N, C-alpha and C. Protein backbone atom coordinates (compact mmCIF):
# COMPACT_ATOMS: atom_id res chain seq x y z
N MET A 1 21.03 62.07 -5.90
CA MET A 1 21.05 60.62 -5.79
C MET A 1 19.92 60.20 -4.85
N ASP A 2 19.24 59.15 -5.20
CA ASP A 2 18.14 58.63 -4.40
C ASP A 2 18.55 57.28 -3.82
N VAL A 3 17.89 56.89 -2.73
CA VAL A 3 18.18 55.61 -2.09
C VAL A 3 18.06 54.46 -3.08
N ALA A 4 17.12 54.57 -4.00
CA ALA A 4 16.93 53.52 -5.00
C ALA A 4 18.17 53.36 -5.87
N ASP A 5 18.95 54.43 -6.02
CA ASP A 5 20.17 54.37 -6.83
C ASP A 5 21.33 53.70 -6.08
N LEU A 6 21.22 53.62 -4.76
CA LEU A 6 22.27 53.00 -3.97
C LEU A 6 21.99 51.50 -3.89
N ASN A 7 22.89 50.73 -4.39
CA ASN A 7 22.68 49.29 -4.49
C ASN A 7 23.25 48.59 -3.26
N LEU A 8 22.63 48.78 -2.10
CA LEU A 8 23.05 48.11 -0.87
C LEU A 8 22.00 47.07 -0.50
N SER A 9 22.38 45.82 -0.53
CA SER A 9 21.43 44.77 -0.14
C SER A 9 21.61 44.45 1.33
N LEU A 10 20.59 43.85 1.91
CA LEU A 10 20.68 43.43 3.30
C LEU A 10 21.77 42.37 3.47
N GLU A 11 21.97 41.55 2.46
CA GLU A 11 23.02 40.52 2.52
C GLU A 11 24.40 41.18 2.61
N GLN A 12 24.60 42.25 1.83
CA GLN A 12 25.87 42.98 1.88
C GLN A 12 26.06 43.62 3.25
N LEU A 13 24.98 44.21 3.78
CA LEU A 13 25.08 44.84 5.10
C LEU A 13 25.35 43.80 6.19
N ARG A 14 24.74 42.63 6.08
CA ARG A 14 24.96 41.57 7.08
C ARG A 14 26.42 41.11 7.12
N GLU A 15 27.12 41.24 6.00
CA GLU A 15 28.54 40.87 5.97
C GLU A 15 29.38 41.79 6.85
N LEU A 16 28.81 42.92 7.26
CA LEU A 16 29.53 43.85 8.13
C LEU A 16 29.48 43.43 9.60
N ILE A 17 28.62 42.50 9.95
CA ILE A 17 28.51 42.06 11.34
C ILE A 17 29.86 41.48 11.77
N GLY A 18 30.35 41.98 12.90
CA GLY A 18 31.63 41.53 13.42
C GLY A 18 32.78 42.46 13.06
N VAL A 19 32.57 43.39 12.15
CA VAL A 19 33.61 44.34 11.76
C VAL A 19 33.74 45.40 12.85
N ARG A 20 34.97 45.77 13.16
CA ARG A 20 35.23 46.79 14.17
C ARG A 20 35.43 48.13 13.47
N VAL A 21 34.79 49.16 14.01
CA VAL A 21 34.85 50.50 13.44
C VAL A 21 35.11 51.51 14.57
N GLU A 22 35.50 52.70 14.16
CA GLU A 22 35.60 53.80 15.13
C GLU A 22 34.46 54.76 14.85
N HIS A 23 33.72 55.07 15.91
CA HIS A 23 32.57 55.98 15.82
C HIS A 23 32.72 57.03 16.90
N GLU A 24 32.88 58.28 16.48
CA GLU A 24 33.02 59.41 17.41
C GLU A 24 34.12 59.14 18.43
N GLY A 25 35.24 58.60 17.97
CA GLY A 25 36.39 58.35 18.84
C GLY A 25 36.32 57.08 19.66
N MET A 26 35.25 56.31 19.54
CA MET A 26 35.10 55.06 20.31
C MET A 26 35.30 53.87 19.39
N HIS A 27 35.98 52.86 19.89
CA HIS A 27 36.11 51.61 19.14
C HIS A 27 34.85 50.80 19.39
N CYS A 28 34.21 50.41 18.29
CA CYS A 28 32.94 49.69 18.35
C CYS A 28 32.97 48.50 17.43
N GLU A 29 32.04 47.58 17.65
CA GLU A 29 31.86 46.43 16.76
C GLU A 29 30.43 46.45 16.24
N ILE A 30 30.27 46.18 14.94
CA ILE A 30 28.93 46.08 14.36
C ILE A 30 28.37 44.72 14.79
N ILE A 31 27.28 44.74 15.56
CA ILE A 31 26.75 43.48 16.11
C ILE A 31 25.43 43.06 15.48
N GLU A 32 24.77 43.98 14.75
CA GLU A 32 23.47 43.63 14.17
C GLU A 32 23.12 44.62 13.08
N ILE A 33 22.25 44.19 12.16
CA ILE A 33 21.70 45.05 11.12
C ILE A 33 20.19 45.05 11.30
N LEU A 34 19.62 46.24 11.42
CA LEU A 34 18.16 46.36 11.49
C LEU A 34 17.66 46.52 10.06
N GLU A 35 16.73 45.68 9.66
CA GLU A 35 16.22 45.71 8.29
C GLU A 35 15.39 46.94 8.01
N ASP A 36 14.52 47.32 8.95
CA ASP A 36 13.72 48.51 8.71
C ASP A 36 14.58 49.72 9.02
N GLY A 37 14.76 50.52 8.09
CA GLY A 37 15.66 51.66 8.22
C GLY A 37 16.52 51.76 6.98
N PRO A 38 17.41 50.90 6.69
CA PRO A 38 18.13 49.99 7.58
C PRO A 38 19.12 50.77 8.47
N ALA A 39 19.63 50.07 9.47
CA ALA A 39 20.54 50.70 10.41
C ALA A 39 21.53 49.67 10.94
N LEU A 40 22.69 50.16 11.38
CA LEU A 40 23.69 49.32 12.04
C LEU A 40 23.53 49.47 13.54
N ILE A 41 23.72 48.38 14.27
CA ILE A 41 23.80 48.44 15.71
C ILE A 41 25.26 48.26 16.07
N LEU A 42 25.82 49.26 16.75
CA LEU A 42 27.21 49.21 17.18
C LEU A 42 27.27 48.96 18.67
N GLN A 43 28.23 48.16 19.09
CA GLN A 43 28.48 47.92 20.51
C GLN A 43 29.82 48.55 20.86
N ASN A 44 29.81 49.40 21.87
CA ASN A 44 31.02 50.06 22.30
C ASN A 44 31.96 49.03 22.95
N CYS A 45 33.17 48.92 22.42
CA CYS A 45 34.13 47.92 22.91
C CYS A 45 34.99 48.46 24.05
N GLU A 46 34.86 49.75 24.37
CA GLU A 46 35.73 50.36 25.37
C GLU A 46 35.02 50.70 26.68
N ALA A 47 33.72 50.87 26.64
CA ALA A 47 32.98 51.36 27.79
C ALA A 47 32.71 50.24 28.80
N PHE A 48 32.52 50.65 30.04
CA PHE A 48 32.13 49.70 31.07
C PHE A 48 30.69 49.27 30.81
N PRO A 49 30.39 48.02 31.10
CA PRO A 49 29.01 47.55 30.88
C PRO A 49 27.99 48.36 31.68
N VAL A 50 26.82 48.50 31.09
CA VAL A 50 25.70 49.16 31.77
C VAL A 50 24.61 48.12 32.00
N ILE A 51 23.74 48.40 32.93
CA ILE A 51 22.64 47.46 33.22
C ILE A 51 21.62 47.57 32.10
N GLN A 52 21.25 46.42 31.55
CA GLN A 52 20.29 46.38 30.44
C GLN A 52 18.97 45.81 30.92
N ALA A 53 17.90 46.49 30.60
CA ALA A 53 16.57 46.00 30.95
C ALA A 53 16.10 45.01 29.90
N ASP A 54 15.30 44.03 30.34
CA ASP A 54 14.72 43.09 29.40
C ASP A 54 13.47 43.69 28.78
N GLN A 55 12.75 42.90 28.00
CA GLN A 55 11.56 43.41 27.31
C GLN A 55 10.46 43.85 28.25
N HIS A 56 10.56 43.46 29.53
CA HIS A 56 9.55 43.85 30.53
C HIS A 56 10.02 45.01 31.38
N GLY A 57 11.22 45.55 31.05
CA GLY A 57 11.74 46.70 31.79
C GLY A 57 12.50 46.34 33.05
N GLU A 58 12.75 45.06 33.26
CA GLU A 58 13.47 44.64 34.46
C GLU A 58 14.94 44.44 34.13
N ALA A 59 15.80 45.01 34.97
CA ALA A 59 17.25 44.91 34.73
C ALA A 59 17.77 43.58 35.27
N HIS A 60 18.47 42.84 34.41
CA HIS A 60 18.99 41.54 34.82
C HIS A 60 20.46 41.32 34.51
N ARG A 61 21.04 42.09 33.58
CA ARG A 61 22.41 41.83 33.21
C ARG A 61 23.11 43.10 32.79
N LYS A 62 24.44 43.02 32.79
CA LYS A 62 25.26 44.15 32.34
C LYS A 62 25.82 43.83 30.96
N VAL A 63 25.73 44.79 30.07
CA VAL A 63 26.26 44.65 28.71
C VAL A 63 26.91 45.96 28.30
N PRO A 64 27.84 45.91 27.34
CA PRO A 64 28.40 47.16 26.83
C PRO A 64 27.29 47.98 26.16
N PRO A 65 27.41 49.32 26.22
CA PRO A 65 26.38 50.15 25.58
C PRO A 65 26.36 49.97 24.06
N THR A 66 25.18 50.16 23.50
CA THR A 66 25.02 50.05 22.04
C THR A 66 24.45 51.35 21.50
N MET A 67 24.62 51.54 20.19
CA MET A 67 24.03 52.71 19.52
C MET A 67 23.57 52.30 18.14
N THR A 68 22.60 53.02 17.63
CA THR A 68 22.03 52.74 16.32
C THR A 68 22.50 53.81 15.34
N ILE A 69 23.05 53.36 14.22
CA ILE A 69 23.54 54.27 13.18
C ILE A 69 22.70 54.04 11.92
N PRO A 70 21.93 55.04 11.50
CA PRO A 70 21.13 54.87 10.28
C PRO A 70 22.05 54.80 9.05
N ILE A 71 21.67 53.99 8.09
CA ILE A 71 22.43 53.88 6.85
C ILE A 71 22.14 55.08 5.94
N PHE A 72 20.86 55.44 5.83
CA PHE A 72 20.46 56.50 4.91
C PHE A 72 20.15 57.79 5.66
N ALA A 73 20.33 58.90 4.96
CA ALA A 73 20.01 60.22 5.49
C ALA A 73 18.50 60.32 5.71
N PRO A 74 18.06 61.23 6.57
CA PRO A 74 16.63 61.37 6.83
C PRO A 74 15.79 61.63 5.57
N ASP A 75 16.34 62.34 4.60
CA ASP A 75 15.58 62.61 3.38
C ASP A 75 15.61 61.44 2.39
N ARG A 76 16.36 60.37 2.75
CA ARG A 76 16.47 59.15 1.96
C ARG A 76 17.05 59.41 0.57
N ARG A 77 17.86 60.46 0.44
CA ARG A 77 18.45 60.80 -0.85
C ARG A 77 19.95 60.54 -0.85
N GLY A 78 20.45 59.87 0.15
CA GLY A 78 21.87 59.55 0.23
C GLY A 78 22.18 58.84 1.53
N LEU A 79 23.45 58.63 1.79
CA LEU A 79 23.88 57.96 3.01
C LEU A 79 23.94 58.95 4.15
N SER A 80 23.70 58.47 5.37
CA SER A 80 23.71 59.35 6.54
C SER A 80 25.14 59.76 6.89
N ALA A 81 25.28 60.92 7.50
CA ALA A 81 26.59 61.41 7.94
C ALA A 81 27.23 60.45 8.96
N PRO A 82 26.48 59.94 9.97
CA PRO A 82 27.12 59.02 10.91
C PRO A 82 27.66 57.76 10.23
N PHE A 83 26.95 57.25 9.24
CA PHE A 83 27.40 56.06 8.50
C PHE A 83 28.66 56.39 7.71
N LEU A 84 28.66 57.52 7.03
CA LEU A 84 29.82 57.92 6.23
C LEU A 84 31.04 58.22 7.09
N ASN A 85 30.83 58.62 8.33
CA ASN A 85 31.94 58.98 9.22
C ASN A 85 32.53 57.80 9.99
N LEU A 86 31.98 56.60 9.81
CA LEU A 86 32.56 55.43 10.47
C LEU A 86 33.94 55.15 9.88
N ASP A 87 34.92 54.93 10.75
CA ASP A 87 36.27 54.58 10.30
C ASP A 87 36.48 53.11 10.55
N LEU A 88 36.91 52.40 9.52
CA LEU A 88 37.16 50.97 9.59
C LEU A 88 38.40 50.70 10.43
N ILE A 89 38.31 49.79 11.40
CA ILE A 89 39.45 49.39 12.20
C ILE A 89 39.95 48.05 11.67
N ASP A 90 39.04 47.11 11.46
CA ASP A 90 39.38 45.78 10.91
C ASP A 90 39.19 45.79 9.41
N GLU A 91 39.85 44.86 8.76
CA GLU A 91 39.60 44.66 7.34
C GLU A 91 38.25 43.99 7.16
N LEU A 92 37.60 44.27 6.05
CA LEU A 92 36.32 43.62 5.76
C LEU A 92 36.54 42.14 5.52
N PRO A 93 35.54 41.32 5.91
CA PRO A 93 35.69 39.85 5.69
C PRO A 93 35.77 39.51 4.22
């Protein structure tokens, strides 16, 4: 199977924003979709906030940690293992 055979549009992926999932035992929320990749940005809902640097490298605020989950496998011939291993906590909108 090739990525071209997988019919995932960015609009469909954007509908996942706000959905809560479990990733590696952590409860997370999908907060953003990166178009290039594409990838999901997950925000850990359980961890203590960490200091986040701005675009200039200066730390100004505390936010929950985030992680990037690629949608497709590195060879682009299927879905990535981290994406396939996400467990849905909330129902899809």
